[in-house]
Structures are given as structure tokens and as C-alpha cells.
Amino acid sequence: MQPELFHIPPPGALDAKGDQRPPDLRLVPGTLAQRSAPVPTTSDPLCEKTYARLAEMLTGHVGIRLPPSKRIMVEGRLRKRVRALGLPSIAEYCRFLFHDNNLDDEFVHLIDAVTTNKTDFFREPQHFEFLKREIVPSLLANRRPTGGHFLKVWSAAASAGAEAYSIAMQLNDLVNTIGSFRFAILGTDISTEVLTQARRAVYPEEMIQPIPPDMQMRYLMRPRSSNGRAEVRIVPELRRLCRFVRLNLMDTQYPFDRDVDVIFLRNVLIYFDKPTQESVIARLVSHLRPGGFLLLGHSESMIGTNLQLRQVAPAVFQHL
């Protein structure tokens, strides 16, 4: 039986769960809890042989290409994990992984450390305008009356949640304008760390500049006392419409609904090789309802021309 990932919970229901409103978050009043200071590490390099082993393992599991040119970047990111564990060096961390039988427990944290999680509100804004102007009206016009006006949107590489909440703001404004549908948003990502950030829905002030000022007034909360931290939080009304779940796009099956209306997968395919790109797109399309839409990044060309998709706008495709 598939989990109910696109339902709309009653107000406050998600906030009551530990995974949605962590106990260390107190916006009014208070601040986010401080983490303990990291343990200093030495500056030993990540050797080429060990890097090649890590890269092969990560590419096989999560599909991300890690050529030799990325070694210094990966080394820098691993140092953060070394400090978190209190280990003296990267060499000790690799020994911890491969010789002390800790790989299974550590692997999720390793993925968190090396994956790139670029995220912005209203990134590539043409997509959000097209969502409002073309996609939603098309979906509602073709929806059978017996099926109800309930739209399912999936942010398939949600990162820290900015894309999902941008979608929620756009759709909620549209609901307030035409008042004829409801919606729910599913956000997925491979990184548990960014999913935790998405559920918290707390963002630095400088990150919200792309959000139109009127939307900032409606959908953002500011703390009464920030103790020097310029932060905002997404309002509960939107948080309860967004759900975040861990998913590896390399999995052969996705345990989600197969009647999704809109899927966003933007600026992710560029990290995969072509066979992986085609496999991921094929699996995602299998979850789109006929007439549903797939949105890719503007820097990404269409993958898998044999799929039942037609291009309707730059980087926007409709399932036939």
C-alpha cells in the first residue's frame, strides 16, 4: 500500500511531529540552538586512491559523477564531517569508513557531505509564471468534476525546500484569486541534512530577496527577538501543505502516487551521465498523470526522446 504523501493534514498536525517542528526551534522568542564547536583537524590531503574509491561508490549509489577534478572540493566537504565526528584527520575518517565497519551507518552522512545543494526561492522565475498562467489553468480545465480540483505537485530535488515553498506561495496566491482548487506538495531529496532544513522552514534574511515583497508579507514570519540573527520562517499555513521525504533518484522504483500533476526536477540531471538521466526521467514520467507537466532546468536539454512528452515551453514538457 502506498503511503499517503499528498494528503492535506489538519492545521497544526505536521507541526506536532518531531520531524516537522524540531524542539530546538523557538522563533518567538528565541533563536536556533547553537551547535557545539567543531574539533580541529589536521590538513592531511585525501589521497587519489581513496578518492577514486569514494567516487566510484557514490556514483554507483546516487548517480553523481565525481571526476578527479572534484577531489579538492570533496576533501573540503569531508573535513566538516571529520570535525563533527571528532576525528583527527581525513585518513582516520577513511579508516573509520572502510576498516572499522562503519560505512553502513555513516553512508547517509557521507552523502550529505558531498552532494551539492544549490537552492533559491523562485529560481528560474519564468517557470513559476508559466505554472500560474498556463499549467494550473490547463490542469483544472481538463479535470473531471468527479475527480475534484486537487493538484499534486512534486519537487523531486527539493534541497532545503526553497523550490517547494516557492511553488506553495504561487499556488496559494492562485487559490485566493480563483478559489477553485486545493493542492499539496511533496518534496524529496537524497540528503537528510537539507530535508531537515526544509522541514524547519527557517531561512536567512538574505536568501528571501527573490520573493516578491507582497508574498513576503503574507508568507514569512520574523522573530520578535533574533539575538542578531536575521532569519525568517515560512508560515504554518504553507508548511502544512508541503511534505518532505528522503528519496534516492537512483532507486529503481519510487513509492509515490502515479497521478501527479506537476513534477519539478531542475538542475539535477547535469550531475548524472546520460544513461542515468534517461532512467530517472523515465521513472518520473511514470508518475505523471496524462496531461501532467515535467519541468527541467533551463540549462538541461530534454533526455529520452522516446518518452511520451511534448515540449510546451522552454524546459517544460507535457505528458501525452
Protein backbone atom coordinates (compact mmCIF):
# COMPACT_ATOMS: atom_id res chain seq x y z
CA MET A 1 0.00 0.00 0.00
CA GLN A 2 1.45 3.37 -0.99
CA PRO A 3 1.93 5.99 1.71
CA GLU A 4 -0.42 8.96 1.63
CA LEU A 5 2.12 11.61 0.69
CA PHE A 6 -0.15 14.14 -0.97
CA HIS A 7 -2.88 14.44 1.65
CA ILE A 8 -3.60 17.76 3.37
CA PRO A 9 -3.36 17.36 7.16
CA PRO A 10 -5.46 19.43 9.54
CA PRO A 11 -3.93 22.73 10.66
CA GLY A 12 -1.06 22.17 13.04
CA ALA A 13 -0.90 18.41 12.51
CA LEU A 14 2.53 18.36 10.93
CA ASP A 15 3.92 20.83 13.44
CA ALA A 16 3.12 18.33 16.18
CA LYS A 17 5.54 15.79 14.72
CA GLY A 18 9.16 15.88 15.72
CA ASP A 19 10.33 15.67 12.13
CA GLN A 20 8.43 18.80 11.19
CA ARG A 21 8.96 21.13 14.12
CA PRO A 22 12.20 20.30 15.93
CA PRO A 23 12.31 21.09 19.64
CA ASP A 24 15.35 23.37 19.30
CA LEU A 25 13.43 25.88 17.16
CA ARG A 26 11.89 28.76 19.04
CA LEU A 27 11.24 31.71 16.76
CA VAL A 28 9.09 33.75 19.13
CA PRO A 29 11.03 34.42 21.22
CA GLY A 30 14.46 32.82 20.88
CA THR A 31 16.80 31.51 18.20
CA LEU A 32 18.05 28.31 16.73
CA ALA A 33 20.13 26.26 19.11
CA GLN A 34 23.87 26.63 18.75
CA ARG A 35 25.90 23.58 17.82
CA SER A 36 28.98 22.69 19.78
CA ALA A 37 32.29 23.93 18.43
CA PRO A 38 33.98 21.57 15.95
CA VAL A 39 37.13 19.67 16.80
CA PRO A 40 40.17 20.97 14.91
CA THR A 41 41.58 18.73 12.21
CA THR A 42 44.93 18.42 10.50
CA SER A 43 45.40 19.39 6.87
CA ASP A 44 46.20 15.93 5.51
CA PRO A 45 45.06 15.51 1.90
CA LEU A 46 42.57 12.99 0.55
CA CYS A 47 44.78 10.65 -1.47
CA GLU A 48 43.89 9.87 -5.08
CA LYS A 49 43.38 6.15 -4.45
CA THR A 50 40.93 6.70 -1.59
CA TYR A 51 39.13 9.43 -3.52
CA ALA A 52 38.69 7.12 -6.50
CA ARG A 53 37.18 4.50 -4.19
CA LEU A 54 34.77 7.02 -2.68
CA ALA A 55 33.84 8.44 -6.08
CA GLU A 56 33.08 5.03 -7.56
CA MET A 57 30.94 4.09 -4.58
CA LEU A 58 28.99 7.35 -4.58
CA THR A 59 28.44 7.36 -8.33
CA GLY A 60 27.08 3.83 -8.16
CA HIS A 61 24.72 4.64 -5.31
CA VAL A 62 23.47 8.17 -6.01
CA GLY A 63 24.47 8.67 -9.66
CA ILE A 64 26.56 11.78 -9.11
CA ARG A 65 29.69 11.99 -11.24
CA LEU A 66 32.82 12.82 -9.24
CA PRO A 67 35.73 13.20 -11.66
CA PRO A 68 39.32 13.70 -10.35
CA SER A 69 38.88 17.46 -10.73
CA LYS A 70 36.38 17.38 -7.84
CA ARG A 71 38.83 15.83 -5.35
CA ILE A 72 39.80 19.08 -3.60
CA MET A 73 36.14 20.08 -3.29
CA VAL A 74 35.20 16.71 -1.80
CA GLU A 75 38.17 16.88 0.55
CA GLY A 76 36.99 20.23 1.88
CA ARG A 77 33.49 18.93 2.48
CA LEU A 78 34.70 15.80 4.20
CA ARG A 79 36.66 17.90 6.68
CA LYS A 80 33.36 19.15 8.10
CA ARG A 81 32.32 15.56 8.75
CA VAL A 82 35.72 14.80 10.25
CA ARG A 83 35.24 17.65 12.72
CA ALA A 84 31.69 16.54 13.54
CA LEU A 85 32.97 13.07 14.48
CA GLY A 86 35.90 14.45 16.46
CA LEU A 87 38.43 12.58 14.34
CA PRO A 88 41.98 13.93 13.94
CA SER A 89 42.31 13.61 10.15
CA ILE A 90 40.76 12.56 6.85
CA ALA A 91 42.96 9.47 6.92
CA GLU A 92 41.34 8.46 10.21
CA TYR A 93 37.92 9.14 8.73
CA CYS A 94 38.65 6.82 5.79
CA ARG A 95 39.87 4.19 8.22
CA PHE A 96 36.66 4.71 10.19
CA LEU A 97 34.68 4.10 6.99
CA PHE A 98 36.45 1.21 5.35
CA HIS A 99 38.34 -0.64 8.08
CA ASP A 100 36.21 -0.17 11.20
CA ASN A 101 32.97 -1.35 9.56
CA ASN A 102 31.15 1.98 9.95
CA LEU A 103 30.25 2.53 6.30
CA ASP A 104 26.61 1.43 6.61
CA ASP A 105 25.89 3.79 9.49
CA GLU A 106 27.93 6.65 8.06
CA PHE A 107 26.83 6.47 4.44
CA VAL A 108 23.86 8.85 4.80
CA HIS A 109 26.15 11.45 6.39
CA LEU A 110 28.74 10.90 3.67
CA ILE A 111 26.09 11.65 1.03
CA ASP A 112 25.06 14.77 2.94
CA ALA A 113 28.67 15.93 2.96
CA VAL A 114 29.46 15.55 -0.73
CA THR A 115 26.19 16.39 -2.50
CA THR A 116 25.67 19.88 -3.94
CA ASN A 117 22.52 21.56 -2.67
CA LYS A 118 22.09 24.82 -4.52
CA THR A 119 18.68 26.27 -3.79
CA ASP A 120 16.96 29.63 -4.19
CA PHE A 121 13.44 30.95 -3.91
CA PHE A 122 11.80 31.47 -7.30
CA ARG A 123 14.87 30.25 -9.16
CA GLU A 124 14.27 30.49 -12.92
CA PRO A 125 11.16 32.64 -12.33
CA GLN A 126 9.74 32.02 -15.81
CA HIS A 127 8.70 28.57 -14.62
CA PHE A 128 6.62 29.97 -11.78
CA GLU A 129 4.92 32.44 -14.08
CA PHE A 130 4.18 29.61 -16.53
CA LEU A 131 2.84 27.50 -13.65
CA LYS A 132 0.36 30.23 -12.76
CA ARG A 133 -0.54 31.37 -16.26
CA GLU A 134 -0.63 28.10 -18.23
CA ILE A 135 -0.13 24.92 -16.23
CA VAL A 136 -2.72 25.29 -13.49
CA PRO A 137 -5.50 26.59 -15.78
CA SER A 138 -4.81 23.72 -18.19
CA LEU A 139 -4.93 21.11 -15.43
CA LEU A 140 -8.14 22.50 -13.94
CA ALA A 141 -9.84 22.78 -17.32
CA ASN A 142 -9.18 19.12 -18.07
CA ARG A 143 -10.07 17.77 -14.63
CA ARG A 144 -13.24 15.73 -14.42
CA PRO A 145 -15.78 17.15 -11.95
CA THR A 146 -15.95 13.80 -10.13
CA GLY A 147 -12.18 13.88 -9.63
CA GLY A 148 -12.26 17.13 -7.68
CA HIS A 149 -9.86 20.02 -8.06
CA PHE A 150 -6.92 18.71 -6.07
CA LEU A 151 -3.46 19.21 -7.57
CA LYS A 152 -0.38 17.18 -6.65
CA VAL A 153 3.00 18.80 -7.19
CA TRP A 154 6.32 17.03 -6.65
CA SER A 155 9.59 18.87 -6.12
CA ALA A 156 11.85 15.90 -6.88
CA ALA A 157 15.14 17.54 -5.89
CA ALA A 158 13.83 19.76 -3.12
CA SER A 159 17.10 20.54 -1.36
CA ALA A 160 16.36 22.85 1.60
CA GLY A 161 12.79 23.48 0.49
CA ALA A 162 13.01 26.85 -1.29
CA GLU A 163 11.55 25.45 -4.51
CA ALA A 164 8.67 23.68 -2.77
CA TYR A 165 7.74 26.75 -0.74
CA SER A 166 8.01 28.97 -3.83
CA ILE A 167 5.52 26.66 -5.55
CA ALA A 168 3.28 26.80 -2.49
CA MET A 169 3.31 30.61 -2.47
CA GLN A 170 2.44 30.78 -6.16
CA LEU A 171 -0.36 28.21 -5.89
CA ASN A 172 -1.81 29.68 -2.72
CA ASP A 173 -1.99 33.12 -4.35
CA LEU A 174 -3.81 31.50 -7.26
CA VAL A 175 -6.25 29.75 -4.91
CA ASN A 176 -7.01 33.11 -3.30
CA THR A 177 -7.65 34.54 -6.77
CA ILE A 178 -9.80 31.86 -8.40
CA GLY A 179 -10.70 29.75 -5.35
CA SER A 180 -11.46 26.56 -7.25
CA PHE A 181 -8.82 24.02 -6.23
CA ARG A 182 -6.71 22.62 -3.44
CA PHE A 183 -3.12 21.39 -3.61
CA ALA A 184 -0.37 19.54 -1.80
CA ILE A 185 3.36 19.48 -2.44
CA LEU A 186 5.80 16.63 -1.97
CA GLY A 187 9.49 17.45 -1.69
CA THR A 188 12.15 14.75 -1.96
CA ASP A 189 15.94 14.75 -1.79
CA ILE A 190 18.81 12.34 -1.17
CA SER A 191 20.27 14.50 1.61
CA THR A 192 18.82 14.10 5.08
CA GLU A 193 20.54 17.30 6.18
CA VAL A 194 18.77 19.55 3.68
CA LEU A 195 15.45 17.80 4.30
CA THR A 196 15.77 18.71 7.95
CA GLN A 197 16.27 22.33 6.89
CA ALA A 198 13.24 22.11 4.61
CA ARG A 199 11.04 20.85 7.44
CA ARG A 200 12.25 23.60 9.74
CA ALA A 201 11.46 26.16 7.03
CA VAL A 202 13.81 28.73 8.58
CA TYR A 203 15.93 30.78 6.18
CA PRO A 204 18.44 33.63 6.41
CA GLU A 205 17.09 37.05 5.54
CA GLU A 206 19.43 37.47 2.57
CA MET A 207 18.01 34.33 0.93
CA ILE A 208 14.48 35.70 0.60
CA GLN A 209 15.27 38.61 -1.72
CA PRO A 210 13.81 36.86 -4.82
CA ILE A 211 10.44 36.54 -3.07
CA PRO A 212 8.14 39.43 -4.12
CA PRO A 213 7.56 41.88 -1.24
CA ASP A 214 3.81 41.23 -1.10
CA MET A 215 4.45 37.48 -0.78
CA GLN A 216 6.99 38.15 1.95
CA MET A 217 4.27 39.95 3.90
CA ARG A 218 1.82 37.07 3.51
CA TYR A 219 4.03 34.02 3.84
CA LEU A 220 7.01 34.83 6.07
CA MET A 221 7.26 35.22 9.84
CA ARG A 222 10.01 37.14 11.60
CA PRO A 223 11.10 36.54 15.19
CA ARG A 224 10.38 39.14 17.84
CA SER A 225 13.91 38.74 19.14
CA SER A 226 16.56 37.29 16.82
CA ASN A 227 19.64 37.88 19.01
CA GLY A 228 21.44 39.23 15.98
CA ARG A 229 20.26 36.56 13.54
CA ALA A 230 18.35 37.84 10.54
CA GLU A 231 16.04 34.88 9.88
CA VAL A 232 12.51 34.21 8.70
CA ARG A 233 10.21 31.22 8.78
CA ILE A 234 7.53 30.06 6.36
CA VAL A 235 4.03 30.49 7.82
CA PRO A 236 2.27 27.38 9.19
CA GLU A 237 -0.47 27.57 6.55
CA LEU A 238 2.10 26.79 3.85
CA ARG A 239 4.25 24.42 5.89
CA ARG A 240 1.35 22.07 6.39
CA LEU A 241 0.81 21.84 2.62
CA CYS A 242 4.39 20.67 2.00
CA ARG A 243 5.79 17.31 2.99
CA PHE A 244 9.45 16.29 2.73
CA VAL A 245 10.66 12.71 2.31
CA ARG A 246 14.06 11.20 1.56
CA LEU A 247 14.40 9.64 -1.90
CA ASN A 248 17.34 8.40 -3.94
CA LEU A 249 16.57 9.10 -7.60
CA MET A 250 18.74 6.07 -8.44
CA ASP A 251 16.18 3.74 -6.84
CA THR A 252 14.52 1.51 -9.42
CA GLN A 253 11.05 2.35 -8.09
CA TYR A 254 9.58 5.38 -6.33
CA PRO A 255 6.88 4.58 -3.72
CA PHE A 256 4.69 7.54 -4.62
CA ASP A 257 1.40 8.27 -6.37
CA ARG A 258 1.18 7.76 -10.12
CA ASP A 259 -1.23 10.59 -10.78
CA VAL A 260 1.00 13.57 -10.03
CA ASP A 261 0.06 16.76 -11.87
CA VAL A 262 3.39 18.59 -11.93
CA ILE A 263 6.96 17.42 -11.31
CA PHE A 264 9.87 19.81 -10.89
CA LEU A 265 13.32 18.27 -11.49
CA ARG A 266 15.54 21.23 -12.18
CA ASN A 267 19.32 21.48 -12.39
CA VAL A 268 19.93 17.92 -11.23
CA LEU A 269 20.33 15.94 -14.44
CA ILE A 270 23.56 17.78 -15.20
CA TYR A 271 25.23 15.79 -12.41
CA PHE A 272 24.29 12.41 -13.98
CA ASP A 273 25.63 10.58 -17.01
CA LYS A 274 23.30 10.12 -19.97
CA PRO A 275 22.03 6.58 -19.16
CA THR A 276 21.22 7.69 -15.61
CA GLN A 277 19.47 10.80 -16.90
CA GLU A 278 17.26 8.73 -19.17
CA SER A 279 16.41 6.22 -16.43
CA VAL A 280 15.50 8.92 -13.92
CA ILE A 281 13.31 10.80 -16.39
CA ALA A 282 11.52 7.58 -17.41
CA ARG A 283 10.75 6.74 -13.78
CA LEU A 284 9.48 10.24 -13.05
CA VAL A 285 7.27 10.32 -16.14
CA SER A 286 5.66 7.06 -14.99
CA HIS A 287 4.32 9.03 -12.00
CA LEU A 288 2.79 11.82 -14.10
CA ARG A 289 -0.89 11.69 -14.95
CA PRO A 290 -1.77 12.10 -18.65
CA GLY A 291 -1.67 15.82 -19.31
CA GLY A 292 0.68 16.40 -16.38
CA PHE A 293 3.80 18.55 -16.65
CA LEU A 294 7.53 17.97 -16.14
CA LEU A 295 9.79 20.99 -15.56
CA LEU A 296 13.55 20.69 -16.02
CA GLY A 297 16.30 23.25 -15.52
CA HIS A 298 16.86 25.74 -18.31
CA SER A 299 20.45 24.53 -18.59
CA GLU A 300 19.29 20.96 -19.25
CA SER A 301 18.22 19.58 -22.61
CA MET A 302 15.47 17.03 -22.91
CA ILE A 303 16.51 13.47 -22.13
CA GLY A 304 14.79 10.42 -23.59
CA THR A 305 13.11 11.48 -26.81
CA ASN A 306 11.22 8.19 -26.93
CA LEU A 307 9.11 9.19 -23.93
CA GLN A 308 5.54 10.38 -24.37
CA LEU A 309 6.28 14.03 -23.79
CA ARG A 310 5.85 17.16 -25.84
CA GLN A 311 7.65 20.41 -25.18
CA VAL A 312 5.27 23.28 -24.43
CA ALA A 313 7.76 25.93 -23.26
CA PRO A 314 11.50 26.18 -22.58
CA ALA A 315 12.36 23.22 -20.30
CA VAL A 316 8.63 22.44 -19.79
CA PHE A 317 7.14 19.18 -21.08
CA GLN A 318 3.64 17.73 -21.01
CA HIS A 319 2.86 14.03 -20.63
CA LEU A 320 0.77 12.82 -23.56
